[in-house]
């Protein structure tokens, strides 16, 4: 249910802007997306886990805010991120 250290490092390496970048909007959205996908798999088996479902809703809202920020400030980075994460088709 959690993202392991190796997975986290791979995601950061793929989406970082520079060598030491771990907190840019792109990295944050990618990490949140990985957590959301992990939680959706969890809910396939645990349908009544409402407490975790609230956490999922919070993660989706945080990702939405970050994507809106990215769309308004850097549209080309937004489009690339959407394509890389396969969020919209």
PDB file of N, CA and C in Angstrom:
ATOM      1  N   UNK A   1       0.818  -1.188   0.000  1.00  0.00           N
ATOM      2  CA  UNK A   1       0.000   0.000   0.000  1.00  0.00           C
ATOM      3  C   UNK A   1       0.862   1.252   0.000  1.00  0.00           C
ATOM      4  N   UNK A   2       2.111   1.129   0.325  1.00  0.00           N
ATOM      5  CA  UNK A   2       2.997   2.279   0.327  1.00  0.00           C
ATOM      6  C   UNK A   2       3.940   2.205  -0.866  1.00  0.00           C
ATOM      7  N   UNK A   3       4.476   3.337  -1.228  1.00  0.00           N
ATOM      8  CA  UNK A   3       5.460   3.382  -2.294  1.00  0.00           C
ATOM      9  C   UNK A   3       6.817   3.116  -1.657  1.00  0.00           C
ATOM     10  N   UNK A   4       7.509   2.115  -2.140  1.00  0.00           N
ATOM     11  CA  UNK A   4       8.796   1.761  -1.574  1.00  0.00           C
ATOM     12  C   UNK A   4       9.872   2.730  -2.042  1.00  0.00           C
ATOM     13  N   UNK A   5      10.982   2.727  -1.329  1.00  0.00           N
ATOM     14  CA  UNK A   5      12.056   3.678  -1.578  1.00  0.00           C
ATOM     15  C   UNK A   5      12.579   3.588  -3.009  1.00  0.00           C
ATOM     16  N   UNK A   6      12.723   2.373  -3.521  1.00  0.00           N
ATOM     17  CA  UNK A   6      13.247   2.198  -4.875  1.00  0.00           C
ATOM     18  C   UNK A   6      12.286   2.778  -5.914  1.00  0.00           C
ATOM     19  N   UNK A   7      10.986   2.527  -5.711  1.00  0.00           N
ATOM     20  CA  UNK A   7       9.986   3.068  -6.630  1.00  0.00           C
ATOM     21  C   UNK A   7      10.002   4.588  -6.583  1.00  0.00           C
ATOM     22  N   UNK A   8      10.091   5.140  -5.385  1.00  0.00           N
ATOM     23  CA  UNK A   8      10.106   6.589  -5.204  1.00  0.00           C
ATOM     24  C   UNK A   8      11.312   7.204  -5.914  1.00  0.00           C
ATOM     25  N   UNK A   9      12.472   6.590  -5.766  1.00  0.00           N
ATOM     26  CA  UNK A   9      13.679   7.110  -6.406  1.00  0.00           C
ATOM     27  C   UNK A   9      13.577   7.052  -7.920  1.00  0.00           C
ATOM     28  N   UNK A  10      12.979   5.985  -8.449  1.00  0.00           N
ATOM     29  CA  UNK A  10      12.803   5.881  -9.900  1.00  0.00           C
ATOM     30  C   UNK A  10      11.893   6.985 -10.427  1.00  0.00           C
ATOM     31  N   UNK A  11      10.813   7.241  -9.706  1.00  0.00           N
ATOM     32  CA  UNK A  11       9.873   8.279 -10.123  1.00  0.00           C
ATOM     33  C   UNK A  11      10.551   9.644 -10.077  1.00  0.00           C
ATOM     34  N   UNK A  12      11.297   9.906  -9.019  1.00  0.00           N
ATOM     35  CA  UNK A  12      11.983  11.196  -8.891  1.00  0.00           C
ATOM     36  C   UNK A  12      12.993  11.362 -10.013  1.00  0.00           C
ATOM     37  N   UNK A  13      13.770  10.314 -10.324  1.00  0.00           N
ATOM     38  CA  UNK A  13      14.762  10.410 -11.399  1.00  0.00           C
ATOM     39  C   UNK A  13      14.109  10.680 -12.751  1.00  0.00           C
ATOM     40  N   UNK A  14      12.962  10.088 -12.970  1.00  0.00           N
ATOM     41  CA  UNK A  14      12.295  10.241 -14.267  1.00  0.00           C
ATOM     42  C   UNK A  14      11.727  11.647 -14.461  1.00  0.00           C
ATOM     43  N   UNK A  15      11.210  12.267 -13.397  1.00  0.00           N
ATOM     44  CA  UNK A  15      10.491  13.528 -13.549  1.00  0.00           C
ATOM     45  C   UNK A  15      11.226  14.753 -13.009  1.00  0.00           C
ATOM     46  N   UNK A  16      12.419  14.586 -12.465  1.00  0.00           N
ATOM     47  CA  UNK A  16      13.112  15.745 -11.894  1.00  0.00           C
ATOM     48  C   UNK A  16      13.644  16.667 -12.981  1.00  0.00           C
ATOM     49  N   UNK A  17      13.762  17.934 -12.646  1.00  0.00           N
ATOM     50  CA  UNK A  17      14.267  18.936 -13.593  1.00  0.00           C
ATOM     51  C   UNK A  17      15.787  18.958 -13.605  1.00  0.00           C
ATOM     52  N   UNK A  18      16.405  18.861 -12.412  1.00  0.00           N
ATOM     53  CA  UNK A  18      17.856  18.871 -12.280  1.00  0.00           C
ATOM     54  C   UNK A  18      18.304  17.721 -11.404  1.00  0.00           C
ATOM     55  N   UNK A  19      19.592  17.700 -11.071  1.00  0.00           N
ATOM     56  CA  UNK A  19      20.133  16.603 -10.267  1.00  0.00           C
ATOM     57  C   UNK A  19      19.557  16.548  -8.860  1.00  0.00           C
ATOM     58  N   UNK A  20      19.383  17.691  -8.227  1.00  0.00           N
ATOM     59  CA  UNK A  20      18.944  17.727  -6.831  1.00  0.00           C
ATOM     60  C   UNK A  20      17.459  18.028  -6.671  1.00  0.00           C
ATOM     61  N   UNK A  21      16.710  18.006  -7.750  1.00  0.00           N
ATOM     62  CA  UNK A  21      15.294  18.357  -7.705  1.00  0.00           C
ATOM     63  C   UNK A  21      14.467  17.187  -7.188  1.00  0.00           C
ATOM     64  N   UNK A  22      13.820  17.392  -6.041  1.00  0.00           N
ATOM     65  CA  UNK A  22      12.930  16.364  -5.510  1.00  0.00           C
ATOM     66  C   UNK A  22      11.563  16.931  -5.162  1.00  0.00           C
ATOM     67  N   UNK A  23      11.368  18.231  -5.305  1.00  0.00           N
ATOM     68  CA  UNK A  23      10.116  18.827  -4.865  1.00  0.00           C
ATOM     69  C   UNK A  23       9.405  19.667  -5.894  1.00  0.00           C
ATOM     70  N   UNK A  24       9.803  19.582  -7.152  1.00  0.00           N
ATOM     71  CA  UNK A  24       9.116  20.372  -8.172  1.00  0.00           C
ATOM     72  C   UNK A  24       7.702  19.838  -8.364  1.00  0.00           C
ATOM     73  N   UNK A  25       6.888  20.624  -9.004  1.00  0.00           N
ATOM     74  CA  UNK A  25       5.491  20.244  -9.216  1.00  0.00           C
ATOM     75  C   UNK A  25       5.375  18.939  -9.996  1.00  0.00           C
ATOM     76  N   UNK A  26       6.234  18.764 -10.987  1.00  0.00           N
ATOM     77  CA  UNK A  26       6.184  17.553 -11.792  1.00  0.00           C
ATOM     78  C   UNK A  26       6.454  16.312 -10.947  1.00  0.00           C
ATOM     79  N   UNK A  27       7.459  16.398 -10.084  1.00  0.00           N
ATOM     80  CA  UNK A  27       7.811  15.265  -9.219  1.00  0.00           C
ATOM     81  C   UNK A  27       6.683  14.990  -8.231  1.00  0.00           C
ATOM     82  N   UNK A  28       6.128  16.047  -7.655  1.00  0.00           N
ATOM     83  CA  UNK A  28       5.046  15.867  -6.692  1.00  0.00           C
ATOM     84  C   UNK A  28       3.833  15.205  -7.332  1.00  0.00           C
ATOM     85  N   UNK A  29       3.464  15.648  -8.526  1.00  0.00           N
ATOM     86  CA  UNK A  29       2.314  15.062  -9.220  1.00  0.00           C
ATOM     87  C   UNK A  29       2.590  13.596  -9.541  1.00  0.00           C
ATOM     88  N   UNK A  30       3.803  13.274  -9.969  1.00  0.00           N
ATOM     89  CA  UNK A  30       4.134  11.886 -10.306  1.00  0.00           C
ATOM     90  C   UNK A  30       4.068  10.991  -9.066  1.00  0.00           C
ATOM     91  N   UNK A  31       4.576  11.477  -7.941  1.00  0.00           N
ATOM     92  CA  UNK A  31       4.537  10.687  -6.703  1.00  0.00           C
ATOM     93  C   UNK A  31       3.105  10.495  -6.210  1.00  0.00           C
ATOM     94  N   UNK A  32       2.318  11.550  -6.280  1.00  0.00           N
ATOM     95  CA  UNK A  32       0.922  11.450  -5.852  1.00  0.00           C
ATOM     96  C   UNK A  32       0.161  10.486  -6.765  1.00  0.00           C
ATOM     97  N   UNK A  33       0.442  10.525  -8.066  1.00  0.00           N
ATOM     98  CA  UNK A  33      -0.218   9.634  -9.003  1.00  0.00           C
ATOM     99  C   UNK A  33       0.117   8.179  -8.692  1.00  0.00           C
ATOM    100  N   UNK A  34       1.361   7.906  -8.336  1.00  0.00           N
ATOM    101  CA  UNK A  34       1.744   6.539  -7.975  1.00  0.00           C
ATOM    102  C   UNK A  34       0.986   6.080  -6.728  1.00  0.00           C
ATOM    103  N   UNK A  35       0.857   6.968  -5.753  1.00  0.00           N
ATOM    104  CA  UNK A  35       0.109   6.618  -4.547  1.00  0.00           C
ATOM    105  C   UNK A  35      -1.370   6.392  -4.850  1.00  0.00           C
ATOM    106  N   UNK A  36      -1.942   7.213  -5.726  1.00  0.00           N
ATOM    107  CA  UNK A  36      -3.350   7.068  -6.100  1.00  0.00           C
ATOM    108  C   UNK A  36      -3.569   5.731  -6.789  1.00  0.00           C
ATOM    109  N   UNK A  37      -2.682   5.365  -7.699  1.00  0.00           N
ATOM    110  CA  UNK A  37      -2.828   4.088  -8.396  1.00  0.00           C
ATOM    111  C   UNK A  37      -2.695   2.913  -7.433  1.00  0.00           C
ATOM    112  N   UNK A  38      -1.799   3.045  -6.458  1.00  0.00           N
ATOM    113  CA  UNK A  38      -1.633   2.004  -5.457  1.00  0.00           C
ATOM    114  C   UNK A  38      -2.896   1.867  -4.603  1.00  0.00           C
ATOM    115  N   UNK A  39      -3.483   2.988  -4.226  1.00  0.00           N
ATOM    116  CA  UNK A  39      -4.695   2.946  -3.411  1.00  0.00           C
ATOM    117  C   UNK A  39      -5.892   2.402  -4.187  1.00  0.00           C
ATOM    118  N   UNK A  40      -5.984   2.692  -5.466  1.00  0.00           N
ATOM    119  CA  UNK A  40      -7.103   2.168  -6.235  1.00  0.00           C
ATOM    120  C   UNK A  40      -7.021   0.648  -6.330  1.00  0.00           C
ATOM    121  N   UNK A  41      -5.809   0.099  -6.418  1.00  0.00           N
ATOM    122  CA  UNK A  41      -5.655  -1.355  -6.385  1.00  0.00           C
ATOM    123  C   UNK A  41      -6.081  -1.906  -5.026  1.00  0.00           C
ATOM    124  N   UNK A  42      -5.764  -1.183  -3.961  1.00  0.00           N
ATOM    125  CA  UNK A  42      -6.149  -1.591  -2.609  1.00  0.00           C
ATOM    126  C   UNK A  42      -7.669  -1.655  -2.478  1.00  0.00           C
ATOM    127  N   UNK A  43      -8.361  -0.712  -3.088  1.00  0.00           N
ATOM    128  CA  UNK A  43      -9.819  -0.651  -2.953  1.00  0.00           C
ATOM    129  C   UNK A  43     -10.531  -1.723  -3.768  1.00  0.00           C
ATOM    130  N   UNK A  44      -9.847  -2.352  -4.697  1.00  0.00           N
ATOM    131  CA  UNK A  44     -10.468  -3.446  -5.428  1.00  0.00           C
ATOM    132  C   UNK A  44     -10.718  -4.635  -4.504  1.00  0.00           C
ATOM    133  N   UNK A  45      -9.859  -4.798  -3.498  1.00  0.00           N
ATOM    134  CA  UNK A  45     -10.009  -5.897  -2.545  1.00  0.00           C
ATOM    135  C   UNK A  45     -10.723  -5.484  -1.266  1.00  0.00           C
ATOM    136  N   UNK A  46     -10.604  -4.211  -0.888  1.00  0.00           N
ATOM    137  CA  UNK A  46     -11.159  -3.731   0.378  1.00  0.00           C
ATOM    138  C   UNK A  46     -12.173  -2.626   0.087  1.00  0.00           C
ATOM    139  N   UNK A  47     -13.355  -3.024  -0.289  1.00  0.00           N
ATOM    140  CA  UNK A  47     -14.372  -2.071  -0.730  1.00  0.00           C
ATOM    141  C   UNK A  47     -14.915  -1.196   0.391  1.00  0.00           C
ATOM    142  N   UNK A  48     -14.855  -1.661   1.624  1.00  0.00           N
ATOM    143  CA  UNK A  48     -15.445  -0.913   2.733  1.00  0.00           C
ATOM    144  C   UNK A  48     -14.430  -0.115   3.541  1.00  0.00           C
ATOM    145  N   UNK A  49     -13.256   0.074   3.019  1.00  0.00           N
ATOM    146  CA  UNK A  49     -12.213   0.824   3.714  1.00  0.00           C
ATOM    147  C   UNK A  49     -12.431   2.322   3.494  1.00  0.00           C
ATOM    148  N   UNK A  50     -13.416   2.865   4.201  1.00  0.00           N
ATOM    149  CA  UNK A  50     -13.795   4.259   3.995  1.00  0.00           C
ATOM    150  C   UNK A  50     -12.760   5.239   4.541  1.00  0.00           C
ATOM    151  N   UNK A  51     -12.040   4.856   5.556  1.00  0.00           N
ATOM    152  CA  UNK A  51     -11.036   5.751   6.130  1.00  0.00           C
ATOM    153  C   UNK A  51      -9.929   6.037   5.099  1.00  0.00           C
ATOM    154  N   UNK A  52      -9.457   5.005   4.447  1.00  0.00           N
ATOM    155  CA  UNK A  52      -8.435   5.194   3.420  1.00  0.00           C
ATOM    156  C   UNK A  52      -9.002   5.895   2.196  1.00  0.00           C
ATOM    157  N   UNK A  53     -10.283   5.706   1.937  1.00  0.00           N
ATOM    158  CA  UNK A  53     -10.918   6.364   0.797  1.00  0.00           C
ATOM    159  C   UNK A  53     -10.886   7.883   0.964  1.00  0.00           C
ATOM    160  N   UNK A  54     -11.023   8.354   2.200  1.00  0.00           N
ATOM    161  CA  UNK A  54     -10.933   9.799   2.450  1.00  0.00           C
ATOM    162  C   UNK A  54      -9.525  10.313   2.130  1.00  0.00           C
ATOM    163  N   UNK A  55      -8.519   9.513   2.459  1.00  0.00           N
ATOM    164  CA  UNK A  55      -7.148   9.875   2.103  1.00  0.00           C
ATOM    165  C   UNK A  55      -6.956   9.930   0.605  1.00  0.00           C
ATOM    166  N   UNK A  56      -7.600   9.011  -0.095  1.00  0.00           N
ATOM    167  CA  UNK A  56      -7.525   9.002  -1.561  1.00  0.00           C
ATOM    168  C   UNK A  56      -8.137  10.274  -2.138  1.00  0.00           C
ATOM    169  N   UNK A  57      -9.270  10.690  -1.604  1.00  0.00           N
ATOM    170  CA  UNK A  57      -9.925  11.910  -2.083  1.00  0.00           C
ATOM    171  C   UNK A  57      -9.019  13.117  -1.848  1.00  0.00           C
ATOM    172  N   UNK A  58      -8.342  13.161  -0.712  1.00  0.00           N
ATOM    173  CA  UNK A  58      -7.426  14.268  -0.429  1.00  0.00           C
ATOM    174  C   UNK A  58      -6.256  14.279  -1.406  1.00  0.00           C
ATOM    175  N   UNK A  59      -5.740  13.082  -1.721  1.00  0.00           N
ATOM    176  CA  UNK A  59      -4.637  12.999  -2.683  1.00  0.00           C
ATOM    177  C   UNK A  59      -5.073  13.461  -4.066  1.00  0.00           C
ATOM    178  N   UNK A  60      -6.261  13.070  -4.479  1.00  0.00           N
ATOM    179  CA  UNK A  60      -6.765  13.478  -5.797  1.00  0.00           C
ATOM    180  C   UNK A  60      -6.921  14.996  -5.854  1.00  0.00           C
ATOM    181  N   UNK A  61      -7.427  15.581  -4.778  1.00  0.00           N
ATOM    182  CA  UNK A  61      -7.591  17.034  -4.748  1.00  0.00           C
ATOM    183  C   UNK A  61      -6.252  17.751  -4.768  1.00  0.00           C
ATOM    184  N   UNK A  62      -5.260  17.219  -4.052  1.00  0.00           N
ATOM    185  CA  UNK A  62      -3.933  17.844  -4.046  1.00  0.00           C
ATOM    186  C   UNK A  62      -3.306  17.770  -5.437  1.00  0.00           C
ATOM    187  N   UNK A  63      -3.460  16.603  -6.098  1.00  0.00           N
ATOM    188  CA  UNK A  63      -2.920  16.463  -7.451  1.00  0.00           C
ATOM    189  C   UNK A  63      -3.607  17.421  -8.408  1.00  0.00           C
ATOM    190  N   UNK A  64      -4.917  17.593  -8.253  1.00  0.00           N
ATOM    191  CA  UNK A  64      -5.660  18.501  -9.121  1.00  0.00           C
ATOM    192  C   UNK A  64      -5.164  19.934  -8.966  1.00  0.00           C
ATOM    193  N   UNK A  65      -4.913  20.366  -7.737  1.00  0.00           N
ATOM    194  CA  UNK A  65      -4.404  21.721  -7.502  1.00  0.00           C
ATOM    195  C   UNK A  65      -3.019  21.903  -8.114  1.00  0.00           C
ATOM    196  N   UNK A  66      -2.159  20.899  -7.955  1.00  0.00           N
ATOM    197  CA  UNK A  66      -0.819  20.997  -8.534  1.00  0.00           C
ATOM    198  C   UNK A  66      -0.874  21.023 -10.055  1.00  0.00           C
ATOM    199  N   UNK A  67      -1.761  20.233 -10.643  1.00  0.00           N
ATOM    200  CA  UNK A  67      -1.889  20.232 -12.099  1.00  0.00           C
ATOM    201  C   UNK A  67      -2.432  21.564 -12.607  1.00  0.00           C
ATOM    202  N   UNK A  68      -3.372  22.154 -11.884  1.00  0.00           N
ATOM    203  CA  UNK A  68      -3.881  23.479 -12.275  1.00  0.00           C
ATOM    204  C   UNK A  68      -2.773  24.514 -12.221  1.00  0.00           C
ATOM    205  N   UNK A  69      -1.959  24.472 -11.177  1.00  0.00           N
ATOM    206  CA  UNK A  69      -0.835  25.401 -11.059  1.00  0.00           C
ATOM    207  C   UNK A  69       0.123  25.216 -12.232  1.00  0.00           C
ATOM    208  N   UNK A  70       0.442  23.964 -12.517  1.00  0.00           N
ATOM    209  CA  UNK A  70       1.379  23.677 -13.600  1.00  0.00           C
ATOM    210  C   UNK A  70       0.813  24.096 -14.950  1.00  0.00           C
ATOM    211  N   UNK A  71      -0.482  23.885 -15.167  1.00  0.00           N
ATOM    212  CA  UNK A  71      -1.108  24.282 -16.428  1.00  0.00           C
ATOM    213  C   UNK A  71      -1.059  25.796 -16.613  1.00  0.00           C
ATOM    214  N   UNK A  72      -1.229  26.553 -15.517  1.00  0.00           N
ATOM    215  CA  UNK A  72      -1.228  28.010 -15.620  1.00  0.00           C
ATOM    216  C   UNK A  72       0.170  28.596 -15.754  1.00  0.00           C
ATOM    217  N   UNK A  73       1.181  27.952 -15.167  1.00  0.00           N
ATOM    218  CA  UNK A  73       2.524  28.523 -15.189  1.00  0.00           C
ATOM    219  C   UNK A  73       3.388  27.987 -16.326  1.00  0.00           C
ATOM    220  N   UNK A  74       3.312  26.669 -16.591  1.00  0.00           N
ATOM    221  CA  UNK A  74       4.140  26.041 -17.627  1.00  0.00           C
ATOM    222  C   UNK A  74       3.294  25.071 -18.451  1.00  0.00           C
ATOM    223  N   UNK A  75       2.577  25.571 -19.437  1.00  0.00           N
ATOM    224  CA  UNK A  75       1.683  24.694 -20.215  1.00  0.00           C
ATOM    225  C   UNK A  75       2.404  23.551 -20.928  1.00  0.00           C
ATOM    226  N   UNK A  76       3.633  23.799 -21.418  1.00  0.00           N
ATOM    227  CA  UNK A  76       4.334  22.729 -22.135  1.00  0.00           C
ATOM    228  C   UNK A  76       4.757  21.612 -21.180  1.00  0.00           C
ATOM    229  N   UNK A  77       5.173  21.948 -19.968  1.00  0.00           N
ATOM    230  CA  UNK A  77       5.524  20.931 -18.970  1.00  0.00           C
ATOM    231  C   UNK A  77       4.271  20.172 -18.532  1.00  0.00           C
ATOM    232  N   UNK A  78       3.149  20.873 -18.453  1.00  0.00           N
ATOM    233  CA  UNK A  78       1.877  20.252 -18.095  1.00  0.00           C
ATOM    234  C   UNK A  78       1.485  19.199 -19.129  1.00  0.00           C
ATOM    235  N   UNK A  79       1.561  19.546 -20.397  1.00  0.00           N
ATOM    236  CA  UNK A  79       1.176  18.615 -21.455  1.00  0.00           C
ATOM    237  C   UNK A  79       2.094  17.391 -21.481  1.00  0.00           C
ATOM    238  N   UNK A  80       3.388  17.619 -21.275  1.00  0.00           N
ATOM    239  CA  UNK A  80       4.342  16.508 -21.257  1.00  0.00           C
ATOM    240  C   UNK A  80       4.068  15.582 -20.081  1.00  0.00           C
ATOM    241  N   UNK A  81       3.774  16.152 -18.918  1.00  0.00           N
ATOM    242  CA  UNK A  81       3.505  15.365 -17.720  1.00  0.00           C
ATOM    243  C   UNK A  81       2.232  14.545 -17.877  1.00  0.00           C
ATOM    244  N   UNK A  82       1.204  15.148 -18.423  1.00  0.00           N
ATOM    245  CA  UNK A  82      -0.062  14.440 -18.660  1.00  0.00           C
ATOM    246  C   UNK A  82       0.168  13.255 -19.586  1.00  0.00           C
ATOM    247  N   UNK A  83       0.976  13.457 -20.619  1.00  0.00           N
ATOM    248  CA  UNK A  83       1.253  12.376 -21.559  1.00  0.00           C
ATOM    249  C   UNK A  83       2.088  11.277 -20.902  1.00  0.00           C
ATOM    250  N   UNK A  84       3.111  11.660 -20.123  1.00  0.00           N
ATOM    251  CA  UNK A  84       3.973  10.674 -19.495  1.00  0.00           C
ATOM    252  C   UNK A  84       3.225   9.831 -18.453  1.00  0.00           C
ATOM    253  N   UNK A  85       2.346  10.465 -17.696  1.00  0.00           N
ATOM    254  CA  UNK A  85       1.621   9.748 -16.653  1.00  0.00           C
ATOM    255  C   UNK A  85       0.344   9.090 -17.155  1.00  0.00           C
ATOM    256  N   UNK A  86      -0.014   9.362 -18.405  1.00  0.00           N
ATOM    257  CA  UNK A  86      -1.228   8.821 -19.021  1.00  0.00           C
ATOM    258  C   UNK A  86      -2.478   9.142 -18.182  1.00  0.00           C
ATOM    259  N   UNK A  87      -2.604  10.415 -17.794  1.00  0.00           N
ATOM    260  CA  UNK A  87      -3.738  10.815 -16.980  1.00  0.00           C
ATOM    261  C   UNK A  87      -4.978  11.080 -17.811  1.00  0.00           C
ATOM    262  N   UNK A  88      -4.812  11.742 -18.936  1.00  0.00           N
ATOM    263  CA  UNK A  88      -5.930  12.024 -19.822  1.00  0.00           C
ATOM    264  C   UNK A  88      -5.597  11.493 -21.188  1.00  0.00           C
ATOM    265  N   UNK A  89      -6.612  11.087 -21.875  1.00  0.00           N
ATOM    266  CA  UNK A  89      -6.359  10.488 -23.196  1.00  0.00           C
ATOM    267  C   UNK A  89      -6.880  11.360 -24.293  1.00  0.00           C
TER     268      UNK A  89
END
